[in-house]
Amino acid sequence: MSLESDVYVKDTSNYLQKLIFTYNIANNIITTYN
C-alpha cells in the first residue's frame, strides 16, 4: 500500500512539474507577444 502511494505521489509531482513548466512557457510566449 505504501509503495503504491509513493508511486502515486511521484506521478502527481511529475505531472505538476510538467504543468508548471508548460504554464511558464505559455506565460513567456504571451508576455513576448504583448
PDB file of N, CA and C in Angstrom:
ATOM      1  N   MET A   1       0.837  -1.207   0.000  1.00  0.00           N
ATOM      2  CA  MET A   1       0.000   0.000   0.000  1.00  0.00           C
ATOM      3  C   MET A   1       0.873   1.259   0.000  1.00  0.00           C
ATOM      4  N   SER A   2       1.877   1.286   0.863  1.00  0.00           N
ATOM      5  CA  SER A   2       2.725   2.481   0.911  1.00  0.00           C
ATOM      6  C   SER A   2       3.518   2.632  -0.387  1.00  0.00           C
ATOM      7  N   LEU A   3       3.884   1.501  -0.993  1.00  0.00           N
ATOM      8  CA  LEU A   3       4.619   1.547  -2.258  1.00  0.00           C
ATOM      9  C   LEU A   3       3.745   2.166  -3.340  1.00  0.00           C
ATOM     10  N   GLU A   4       2.479   1.750  -3.388  1.00  0.00           N
ATOM     11  CA  GLU A   4       1.560   2.300  -4.385  1.00  0.00           C
ATOM     12  C   GLU A   4       1.373   3.799  -4.203  1.00  0.00           C
ATOM     13  N   SER A   5       1.243   4.230  -2.946  1.00  0.00           N
ATOM     14  CA  SER A   5       1.031   5.656  -2.702  1.00  0.00           C
ATOM     15  C   SER A   5       2.292   6.447  -3.049  1.00  0.00           C
ATOM     16  N   ASP A   6       3.480   5.844  -2.845  1.00  0.00           N
ATOM     17  CA  ASP A   6       4.725   6.501  -3.237  1.00  0.00           C
ATOM     18  C   ASP A   6       4.747   6.747  -4.742  1.00  0.00           C
ATOM     19  N   VAL A   7       4.354   5.726  -5.509  1.00  0.00           N
ATOM     20  CA  VAL A   7       4.302   5.859  -6.969  1.00  0.00           C
ATOM     21  C   VAL A   7       3.304   6.934  -7.353  1.00  0.00           C
ATOM     22  N   TYR A   8       2.164   6.933  -6.669  1.00  0.00           N
ATOM     23  CA  TYR A   8       1.126   7.928  -6.963  1.00  0.00           C
ATOM     24  C   TYR A   8       1.645   9.334  -6.708  1.00  0.00           C
ATOM     25  N   VAL A   9       2.333   9.519  -5.594  1.00  0.00           N
ATOM     26  CA  VAL A   9       2.869  10.846  -5.252  1.00  0.00           C
ATOM     27  C   VAL A   9       3.908  11.270  -6.286  1.00  0.00           C
ATOM     28  N   LYS A  10       4.751  10.328  -6.691  1.00  0.00           N
ATOM     29  CA  LYS A  10       5.773  10.646  -7.701  1.00  0.00           C
ATOM     30  C   LYS A  10       5.121  11.048  -9.020  1.00  0.00           C
ATOM     31  N   ASP A  11       4.126  10.265  -9.450  1.00  0.00           N
ATOM     32  CA  ASP A  11       3.424  10.568 -10.700  1.00  0.00           C
ATOM     33  C   ASP A  11       2.763  11.942 -10.630  1.00  0.00           C
ATOM     34  N   THR A  12       2.161  12.228  -9.480  1.00  0.00           N
ATOM     35  CA  THR A  12       1.459  13.503  -9.321  1.00  0.00           C
ATOM     36  C   THR A  12       2.439  14.666  -9.359  1.00  0.00           C
ATOM     37  N   SER A  13       3.563  14.543  -8.665  1.00  0.00           N
ATOM     38  CA  SER A  13       4.531  15.639  -8.650  1.00  0.00           C
ATOM     39  C   SER A  13       5.160  15.818 -10.028  1.00  0.00           C
ATOM     40  N   ASN A  14       5.389  14.717 -10.738  1.00  0.00           N
ATOM     41  CA  ASN A  14       5.896  14.815 -12.115  1.00  0.00           C
ATOM     42  C   ASN A  14       4.903  15.558 -12.992  1.00  0.00           C
ATOM     43  N   TYR A  15       3.623  15.206 -12.834  1.00  0.00           N
ATOM     44  CA  TYR A  15       2.570  15.844 -13.616  1.00  0.00           C
ATOM     45  C   TYR A  15       2.505  17.332 -13.307  1.00  0.00           C
ATOM     46  N   LEU A  16       2.584  17.664 -12.011  1.00  0.00           N
ATOM     47  CA  LEU A  16       2.517  19.074 -11.614  1.00  0.00           C
ATOM     48  C   LEU A  16       3.719  19.843 -12.157  1.00  0.00           C
ATOM     49  N   GLN A  17       4.900  19.219 -12.119  1.00  0.00           N
ATOM     50  CA  GLN A  17       6.097  19.888 -12.648  1.00  0.00           C
ATOM     51  C   GLN A  17       5.948  20.176 -14.138  1.00  0.00           C
ATOM     52  N   LYS A  18       5.419  19.206 -14.887  1.00  0.00           N
ATOM     53  CA  LYS A  18       5.200  19.420 -16.326  1.00  0.00           C
ATOM     54  C   LYS A  18       4.176  20.513 -16.555  1.00  0.00           C
ATOM     55  N   LEU A  19       3.133  20.518 -15.716  1.00  0.00           N
ATOM     56  CA  LEU A  19       2.076  21.522 -15.836  1.00  0.00           C
ATOM     57  C   LEU A  19       2.655  22.918 -15.605  1.00  0.00           C
ATOM     58  N   ILE A  20       3.444  23.067 -14.544  1.00  0.00           N
ATOM     59  CA  ILE A  20       4.053  24.367 -14.220  1.00  0.00           C
ATOM     60  C   ILE A  20       5.022  24.770 -15.329  1.00  0.00           C
ATOM     61  N   PHE A  21       5.814  23.819 -15.814  1.00  0.00           N
ATOM     62  CA  PHE A  21       6.768  24.085 -16.884  1.00  0.00           C
ATOM     63  C   PHE A  21       6.048  24.595 -18.128  1.00  0.00           C
ATOM     64  N   THR A  22       4.973  23.898 -18.516  1.00  0.00           N
ATOM     65  CA  THR A  22       4.187  24.303 -19.685  1.00  0.00           C
ATOM     66  C   THR A  22       3.566  25.667 -19.468  1.00  0.00           C
ATOM     67  N   TYR A  23       3.046  25.890 -18.251  1.00  0.00           N
ATOM     68  CA  TYR A  23       2.422  27.171 -17.921  1.00  0.00           C
ATOM     69  C   TYR A  23       3.435  28.307 -18.027  1.00  0.00           C
ATOM     70  N   ASN A  24       4.652  28.081 -17.550  1.00  0.00           N
ATOM     71  CA  ASN A  24       5.688  29.110 -17.615  1.00  0.00           C
ATOM     72  C   ASN A  24       6.048  29.437 -19.060  1.00  0.00           C
ATOM     73  N   ILE A  25       6.169  28.421 -19.902  1.00  0.00           N
ATOM     74  CA  ILE A  25       6.487  28.646 -21.314  1.00  0.00           C
ATOM     75  C   ILE A  25       5.366  29.449 -21.972  1.00  0.00           C
ATOM     76  N   ALA A  26       4.116  29.062 -21.706  1.00  0.00           N
ATOM     77  CA  ALA A  26       2.978  29.781 -22.270  1.00  0.00           C
ATOM     78  C   ALA A  26       2.989  31.228 -21.811  1.00  0.00           C
ATOM     79  N   ASN A  27       3.282  31.427 -20.544  1.00  0.00           N
ATOM     80  CA  ASN A  27       3.351  32.785 -19.992  1.00  0.00           C
ATOM     81  C   ASN A  27       4.425  33.597 -20.697  1.00  0.00           C
ATOM     82  N   ASN A  28       5.592  32.986 -20.930  1.00  0.00           N
ATOM     83  CA  ASN A  28       6.682  33.676 -21.613  1.00  0.00           C
ATOM     84  C   ASN A  28       6.274  34.076 -23.020  1.00  0.00           C
ATOM     85  N   ILE A  29       5.613  33.168 -23.722  1.00  0.00           N
ATOM     86  CA  ILE A  29       5.184  33.454 -25.093  1.00  0.00           C
ATOM     87  C   ILE A  29       4.167  34.594 -25.087  1.00  0.00           C
ATOM     88  N   ILE A  30       3.210  34.535 -24.159  1.00  0.00           N
ATOM     89  CA  ILE A  30       2.182  35.583 -24.075  1.00  0.00           C
ATOM     90  C   ILE A  30       2.835  36.932 -23.773  1.00  0.00           C
ATOM     91  N   THR A  31       3.771  36.922 -22.842  1.00  0.00           N
ATOM     92  CA  THR A  31       4.440  38.176 -22.477  1.00  0.00           C
ATOM     93  C   THR A  31       5.239  38.720 -23.651  1.00  0.00           C
ATOM     94  N   THR A  32       5.866  37.827 -24.412  1.00  0.00           N
ATOM     95  CA  THR A  32       6.684  38.261 -25.546  1.00  0.00           C
ATOM     96  C   THR A  32       5.840  38.943 -26.611  1.00  0.00           C
ATOM     97  N   TYR A  33       4.644  38.447 -26.859  1.00  0.00           N
ATOM     98  CA  TYR A  33       3.818  38.969 -27.947  1.00  0.00           C
ATOM     99  C   TYR A  33       2.834  40.043 -27.509  1.00  0.00           C
ATOM    100  N   ASN A  34       2.909  40.454 -26.242  1.00  0.00           N
ATOM    101  CA  ASN A  34       2.000  41.517 -25.800  1.00  0.00           C
ATOM    102  C   ASN A  34       2.656  42.880 -25.870  1.00  0.00           C
TER     103      ASN A  34
END
